[in-house]
Amino acid sequence: MLKLRPYTCKIVLATSLVWFICGLMLMMYYTDCIGDNSVECQGFRNRNPNSISVKARKFFRVTAAPATTAVDDNFRYWSPVVVNSNPSHWPGEMGRAVVIPPEEEELRKEKFKLNQFNLLASDRIALNRTLPDVRAEGCKGKEYAPKLPSTSIVIVFHNEAWSTLLRTIHSVIRMSPKELIEEILLVDDASEKDYLGLPLEEYISKLPVPVKVLRTGKRSGLIRARLIGAAEARGQVITFLDAHCECTVGWLEPLLDRIGRQIAAFYSLRRGHRSARSSVSTTKRFDAYVEYWETQAEMNLPLVIVPQRGQDEHG
């Protein structure tokens, strides 16, 4: 069996050390953005997206704010929401449970049959109640663009309980920047409750933002009813909400900010992409992406978002 001589081991170790140092130096050279305070990193982030070649754009994520484009002129300045809380002892405030006394248990059961939830407790909760800020800590300090697209809120309902429907509407109004709410469209999918007719129209006419009721006339289902609302929407973005949900502080701004940046980035890239098609080989996925946005822009169609539960790194 062969034995390694001492000097052979030294040569192997020295060679490995040299290659390790070379690899470490190369890694440090090509990872300027490991630290967010790096001068090189900040310099790259502040570059104009148009100064980066079309071929290189798919390898980089440019986080600098998009340059002003024609679409930005239609965006709106907005101010943060100021939340005025109700007295803490009110039923349901900050998400606390509503306790039904034993002597009202039969009444609770009777009302439960109407909408299959604790309607008695819902009716005792203020329509403008305040809920806790459920955002992750990292999302609370996020800053968003000073100008954002407007949105039309579409809410479809069928025989919805009065308190839950109005609480949804009030939460949208209270927790959203007023400048960004183009309108709230309530689509009635053939409800049979009297209070969802004229009484509802009279109530919403006194609200501080434009609210309109659309009637399907016959039972159409959720998707068709949403399409009816989308056809009437005037906002740059259509936001669909359930009829029995409650918005909390900071729910809308992240959605519109991400969409607004995507729209602006598209407008700044579209011309460069068109001129580069003859000389630069682009992927089918990027072509499809650009064609989708071109269709939306040329047909003047609003974008659609459906908020879901949960959060991501953008808040």
Protein backbone atom coordinates (compact mmCIF):
# COMPACT_ATOMS: atom_id res chain seq x y z
CA MET A 1 0.00 0.00 0.00
CA LEU A 2 1.41 3.40 -1.04
CA LYS A 3 2.16 5.95 1.66
CA LEU A 4 1.95 9.69 1.05
CA ARG A 5 5.19 11.44 1.76
CA PRO A 6 5.10 14.58 3.99
CA TYR A 7 6.11 16.97 1.21
CA THR A 8 3.34 15.56 -1.05
CA CYS A 9 0.75 16.35 1.60
CA LYS A 10 2.12 19.86 1.95
CA ILE A 11 1.86 20.44 -1.80
CA VAL A 12 -1.75 19.21 -1.86
CA LEU A 13 -2.72 21.42 1.09
CA ALA A 14 -0.95 24.46 -0.35
CA THR A 15 -2.63 24.00 -3.73
CA SER A 16 -6.04 23.65 -2.10
CA LEU A 17 -5.44 26.77 -0.02
CA VAL A 18 -4.48 28.76 -3.13
CA TRP A 19 -7.63 27.70 -4.98
CA PHE A 20 -9.75 28.46 -1.91
CA ILE A 21 -8.33 31.99 -1.68
CA CYS A 22 -8.88 32.54 -5.43
CA GLY A 23 -12.48 31.38 -5.16
CA LEU A 24 -13.08 33.61 -2.13
CA MET A 25 -11.68 36.65 -3.95
CA LEU A 26 -13.86 35.98 -7.00
CA MET A 27 -16.95 35.61 -4.83
CA MET A 28 -16.22 38.90 -3.05
CA TYR A 29 -15.63 40.64 -6.37
CA TYR A 30 -18.96 39.56 -7.87
CA THR A 31 -21.13 39.99 -4.77
CA ASP A 32 -21.04 43.74 -4.20
CA CYS A 33 -24.67 43.67 -3.09
CA ILE A 34 -24.20 41.32 -0.15
CA GLY A 35 -24.46 44.34 2.14
CA ASP A 36 -27.27 46.80 1.42
CA ASN A 37 -24.97 49.70 2.41
CA SER A 38 -22.41 48.82 -0.24
CA VAL A 39 -21.61 51.82 -2.45
CA GLU A 40 -21.51 49.64 -5.55
CA CYS A 41 -24.84 48.06 -4.65
CA GLN A 42 -26.55 51.40 -4.10
CA GLY A 43 -25.06 52.71 -7.31
CA PHE A 44 -26.55 49.82 -9.28
CA ARG A 45 -29.95 50.15 -7.61
CA ASN A 46 -30.10 53.83 -8.47
CA ARG A 47 -29.42 53.25 -12.15
CA ASN A 48 -32.08 54.16 -14.65
CA PRO A 49 -33.75 50.96 -15.92
CA ASN A 50 -33.40 52.26 -19.48
CA SER A 51 -29.58 52.27 -19.10
CA ILE A 52 -29.56 48.47 -18.68
CA SER A 53 -29.51 46.45 -21.88
CA VAL A 54 -32.63 44.55 -22.84
CA LYS A 55 -30.76 41.24 -22.71
CA ALA A 56 -29.44 41.95 -19.20
CA ARG A 57 -32.77 43.03 -17.70
CA LYS A 58 -33.95 39.46 -17.22
CA PHE A 59 -30.93 38.76 -15.00
CA PHE A 60 -31.41 41.74 -12.66
CA ARG A 61 -34.16 42.94 -10.40
CA VAL A 62 -34.05 46.72 -10.52
CA THR A 63 -35.53 48.05 -7.29
CA ALA A 64 -35.18 51.75 -8.00
CA ALA A 65 -38.44 53.63 -8.41
CA PRO A 66 -39.56 53.64 -12.06
CA ALA A 67 -39.11 56.82 -14.00
CA THR A 68 -42.14 59.04 -14.55
CA THR A 69 -44.13 57.91 -17.55
CA ALA A 70 -47.37 58.89 -19.20
CA VAL A 71 -49.28 56.39 -17.09
CA ASP A 72 -48.07 58.08 -13.88
CA ASP A 73 -50.03 61.20 -14.78
CA ASN A 74 -53.22 59.24 -14.14
CA PHE A 75 -52.07 58.04 -10.71
CA ARG A 76 -53.16 59.92 -7.61
CA TYR A 77 -51.38 61.38 -4.63
CA TRP A 78 -52.66 59.88 -1.41
CA SER A 79 -52.31 60.35 2.32
CA PRO A 80 -52.04 57.63 5.01
CA VAL A 81 -55.17 56.50 6.81
CA VAL A 82 -55.83 57.90 10.28
CA VAL A 83 -57.78 55.37 12.33
CA ASN A 84 -60.07 56.63 15.09
CA SER A 85 -60.93 53.75 17.39
CA ASN A 86 -64.22 53.23 19.20
CA PRO A 87 -64.41 52.83 22.98
CA SER A 88 -62.63 49.61 23.97
CA HIS A 89 -65.63 48.28 25.91
CA TRP A 90 -67.87 48.13 22.83
CA PRO A 91 -68.79 44.59 21.72
CA GLY A 92 -66.34 43.05 19.27
CA GLU A 93 -63.79 45.89 19.39
CA MET A 94 -60.26 44.77 18.46
CA GLY A 95 -61.64 41.36 17.58
CA ARG A 96 -62.77 40.41 21.05
CA ALA A 97 -65.53 37.81 21.28
CA VAL A 98 -69.14 38.86 21.83
CA VAL A 99 -70.66 36.95 24.72
CA ILE A 100 -74.34 36.02 24.37
CA PRO A 101 -76.04 35.58 27.78
CA PRO A 102 -77.83 32.27 28.48
CA GLU A 103 -81.27 33.88 28.44
CA GLU A 104 -80.75 34.85 24.77
CA GLU A 105 -79.53 31.48 23.61
CA GLU A 106 -82.81 30.61 21.87
CA LEU A 107 -82.80 33.93 20.02
CA ARG A 108 -79.22 33.27 18.93
CA LYS A 109 -80.22 29.88 17.52
CA GLU A 110 -83.16 31.35 15.61
CA LYS A 111 -81.02 34.05 14.02
CA PHE A 112 -78.32 31.53 13.23
CA LYS A 113 -80.71 29.81 10.82
CA LEU A 114 -80.97 32.95 8.65
CA ASN A 115 -77.33 33.12 7.49
CA GLN A 116 -75.65 30.17 9.20
CA PHE A 117 -73.50 32.25 11.55
CA ASN A 118 -73.96 34.09 14.84
CA LEU A 119 -76.08 36.92 13.48
CA LEU A 120 -77.09 38.09 16.95
CA ALA A 121 -73.45 38.75 17.85
CA SER A 122 -72.81 40.41 14.48
CA ASP A 123 -75.74 42.81 14.94
CA ARG A 124 -74.26 43.97 18.26
CA ILE A 125 -70.87 44.83 16.80
CA ALA A 126 -70.42 48.40 15.57
CA LEU A 127 -70.44 48.81 11.80
CA ASN A 128 -67.22 50.81 12.09
CA ARG A 129 -65.46 48.62 14.63
CA THR A 130 -61.67 48.58 14.77
CA LEU A 131 -59.60 45.41 14.38
CA PRO A 132 -55.94 44.85 15.35
CA ASP A 133 -53.17 45.57 12.86
CA VAL A 134 -52.47 42.05 11.62
CA ARG A 135 -49.51 42.95 9.39
CA ALA A 136 -46.09 41.47 10.06
CA GLU A 137 -43.71 43.88 11.80
CA GLY A 138 -41.57 44.17 8.68
CA CYS A 139 -44.58 45.34 6.67
CA LYS A 140 -45.60 48.15 9.01
CA GLY A 141 -42.59 50.26 8.12
CA LYS A 142 -42.87 49.84 4.36
CA GLU A 143 -42.99 52.99 2.25
CA TYR A 144 -45.04 53.09 -0.94
CA ALA A 145 -45.03 55.28 -4.02
CA PRO A 146 -46.46 58.78 -3.48
CA LYS A 147 -48.77 58.30 -6.48
CA LEU A 148 -50.83 55.14 -6.90
CA PRO A 149 -53.55 53.97 -9.33
CA SER A 150 -57.19 54.32 -8.34
CA THR A 151 -59.34 51.26 -7.70
CA SER A 152 -62.96 50.23 -8.00
CA ILE A 153 -64.06 47.87 -5.22
CA VAL A 154 -66.54 45.22 -6.46
CA ILE A 155 -68.56 43.36 -3.81
CA VAL A 156 -71.05 40.67 -4.84
CA PHE A 157 -73.78 39.66 -2.40
CA HIS A 158 -76.86 37.45 -2.24
CA ASN A 159 -79.20 37.69 0.75
CA GLU A 160 -76.27 38.95 2.83
CA ALA A 161 -76.93 39.96 6.42
CA TRP A 162 -77.32 43.72 6.89
CA SER A 163 -74.64 44.10 9.54
CA THR A 164 -71.95 42.07 7.80
CA LEU A 165 -72.45 43.75 4.41
CA LEU A 166 -72.36 47.26 5.87
CA ARG A 167 -69.39 46.42 8.08
CA THR A 168 -67.51 45.33 4.97
CA ILE A 169 -68.32 48.63 3.25
CA HIS A 170 -67.39 50.72 6.28
CA SER A 171 -64.09 48.86 6.72
CA VAL A 172 -63.17 49.60 3.10
CA ILE A 173 -63.94 53.29 3.56
CA ARG A 174 -62.23 53.65 6.94
CA MET A 175 -59.08 51.64 6.14
CA SER A 176 -58.39 52.89 2.62
CA PRO A 177 -56.90 56.20 1.45
CA LYS A 178 -59.91 58.16 0.19
CA GLU A 179 -57.98 59.45 -2.81
CA LEU A 180 -57.49 55.92 -4.15
CA ILE A 181 -61.10 54.75 -3.94
CA GLU A 182 -62.74 55.51 -7.26
CA GLU A 183 -66.00 53.82 -6.22
CA ILE A 184 -67.53 50.87 -4.45
CA LEU A 185 -69.80 48.72 -6.63
CA LEU A 186 -72.27 46.45 -4.86
CA VAL A 187 -73.58 43.73 -7.17
CA ASP A 188 -76.86 42.25 -5.92
CA ASP A 189 -77.18 38.73 -7.27
CA ALA A 190 -80.99 38.49 -7.05
CA SER A 191 -81.34 38.94 -3.30
CA GLU A 192 -84.78 38.35 -1.79
CA LYS A 193 -84.42 40.38 1.40
CA ASP A 194 -86.39 43.65 1.51
CA TYR A 195 -83.66 45.50 3.41
CA LEU A 196 -81.26 44.90 0.50
CA GLY A 197 -83.51 46.91 -1.81
CA LEU A 198 -84.46 50.55 -1.27
CA PRO A 199 -83.21 50.71 2.36
CA LEU A 200 -79.71 49.75 1.19
CA GLU A 201 -79.73 52.33 -1.61
CA GLU A 202 -80.83 55.05 0.79
CA TYR A 203 -78.12 54.11 3.28
CA ILE A 204 -75.21 54.08 0.81
CA SER A 205 -76.29 57.42 -0.68
CA LYS A 206 -75.09 59.08 2.54
CA LEU A 207 -71.62 57.52 2.59
CA PRO A 208 -68.52 59.70 2.00
CA VAL A 209 -67.37 57.79 -1.12
CA PRO A 210 -69.31 56.90 -4.28
CA VAL A 211 -71.21 53.65 -3.72
CA LYS A 212 -73.53 52.14 -6.31
CA VAL A 213 -75.82 49.10 -6.31
CA LEU A 214 -76.05 46.99 -9.48
CA ARG A 215 -78.84 44.41 -9.83
CA THR A 216 -78.37 41.23 -11.87
CA GLY A 217 -82.14 40.71 -12.16
CA LYS A 218 -81.78 36.94 -11.93
CA ARG A 219 -79.52 34.52 -10.12
CA SER A 220 -76.24 34.66 -12.02
CA GLY A 221 -73.57 33.24 -9.72
CA LEU A 222 -70.40 34.78 -8.35
CA ILE A 223 -68.33 34.98 -11.55
CA ARG A 224 -71.04 36.46 -13.78
CA ALA A 225 -71.95 38.94 -11.05
CA ARG A 226 -68.33 39.99 -10.76
CA LEU A 227 -68.15 40.48 -14.51
CA ILE A 228 -71.18 42.77 -14.31
CA GLY A 229 -69.35 44.84 -11.70
CA ALA A 230 -66.14 44.83 -13.72
CA ALA A 231 -68.00 46.12 -16.79
CA GLU A 232 -69.18 49.15 -14.80
CA ALA A 233 -65.88 49.85 -13.04
CA ARG A 234 -64.12 53.14 -13.77
CA GLY A 235 -60.99 52.70 -11.64
CA GLN A 236 -57.60 51.77 -13.05
CA VAL A 237 -57.62 48.65 -10.88
CA ILE A 238 -60.57 46.41 -10.00
CA THR A 239 -60.48 44.89 -6.51
CA PHE A 240 -62.91 42.08 -5.71
CA LEU A 241 -63.93 41.55 -2.08
CA ASP A 242 -66.31 39.16 -0.34
CA ALA A 243 -69.48 40.62 1.16
CA HIS A 244 -68.59 39.44 4.67
CA CYS A 245 -64.99 40.51 5.25
CA GLU A 246 -63.34 43.38 7.11
CA CYS A 247 -60.35 45.35 5.89
CA THR A 248 -57.63 46.36 8.33
CA VAL A 249 -55.11 49.19 8.22
CA GLY A 250 -52.61 48.96 5.35
CA TRP A 251 -54.56 46.43 3.30
CA LEU A 252 -54.82 48.38 0.04
CA GLU A 253 -51.58 50.34 -0.38
CA PRO A 254 -49.26 47.33 -0.94
CA LEU A 255 -51.56 45.91 -3.62
CA LEU A 256 -51.78 49.14 -5.59
CA ASP A 257 -48.08 49.87 -5.12
CA ARG A 258 -46.99 46.59 -6.66
CA ILE A 259 -49.40 46.97 -9.56
CA GLY A 260 -48.46 50.62 -10.07
CA ARG A 261 -44.76 49.78 -10.29
CA GLN A 262 -45.48 46.97 -12.71
CA ILE A 263 -47.50 49.25 -14.97
CA ALA A 264 -44.83 51.97 -14.93
CA ALA A 265 -42.04 49.46 -15.54
CA PHE A 266 -43.95 48.05 -18.50
CA TYR A 267 -44.44 51.45 -20.10
CA SER A 268 -40.74 52.26 -19.72
CA LEU A 269 -39.69 48.88 -21.18
CA ARG A 270 -42.24 48.53 -23.96
CA ARG A 271 -40.55 50.85 -26.46
CA GLY A 272 -37.11 49.33 -25.86
CA HIS A 273 -38.52 45.86 -26.22
CA ARG A 274 -40.16 46.66 -29.55
CA SER A 275 -36.98 48.17 -31.02
CA ALA A 276 -34.87 45.27 -29.77
CA ARG A 277 -37.01 42.44 -31.13
CA SER A 278 -35.09 42.34 -34.44
CA SER A 279 -31.66 42.17 -32.81
CA VAL A 280 -32.13 40.57 -29.42
CA SER A 281 -33.37 37.04 -28.82
CA THR A 282 -36.11 37.30 -26.17
CA THR A 283 -37.95 34.46 -24.49
CA LYS A 284 -41.51 33.52 -25.33
CA ARG A 285 -42.49 34.18 -21.74
CA PHE A 286 -41.29 37.79 -21.89
CA ASP A 287 -42.97 38.28 -25.27
CA ALA A 288 -46.25 36.98 -23.86
CA TYR A 289 -45.89 39.26 -20.85
CA VAL A 290 -45.38 42.34 -23.03
CA GLU A 291 -48.23 41.39 -25.38
CA TYR A 292 -50.57 41.00 -22.39
CA TRP A 293 -49.76 44.47 -21.09
CA GLU A 294 -50.02 45.94 -24.59
CA THR A 295 -53.51 44.48 -24.90
CA GLN A 296 -54.52 45.92 -21.53
CA ALA A 297 -53.14 49.33 -22.44
CA GLU A 298 -54.53 49.52 -25.98
CA MET A 299 -58.01 48.39 -24.88
CA ASN A 300 -57.86 50.66 -21.81
CA LEU A 301 -58.74 47.72 -19.55
CA PRO A 302 -58.23 47.94 -15.79
CA LEU A 303 -56.16 45.42 -13.90
CA VAL A 304 -57.79 42.95 -11.57
CA ILE A 305 -56.72 41.92 -8.08
CA VAL A 306 -58.39 39.54 -5.64
CA PRO A 307 -56.84 39.91 -2.16
CA GLN A 308 -56.04 36.62 -0.45
CA ARG A 309 -55.23 35.75 3.12
CA GLY A 310 -51.57 35.78 4.12
CA GLN A 311 -48.60 38.05 3.51
CA ASP A 312 -45.38 38.06 1.57
CA GLU A 313 -42.08 39.89 1.89
CA HIS A 314 -43.67 43.03 0.43
CA GLY A 315 -46.21 43.39 3.25
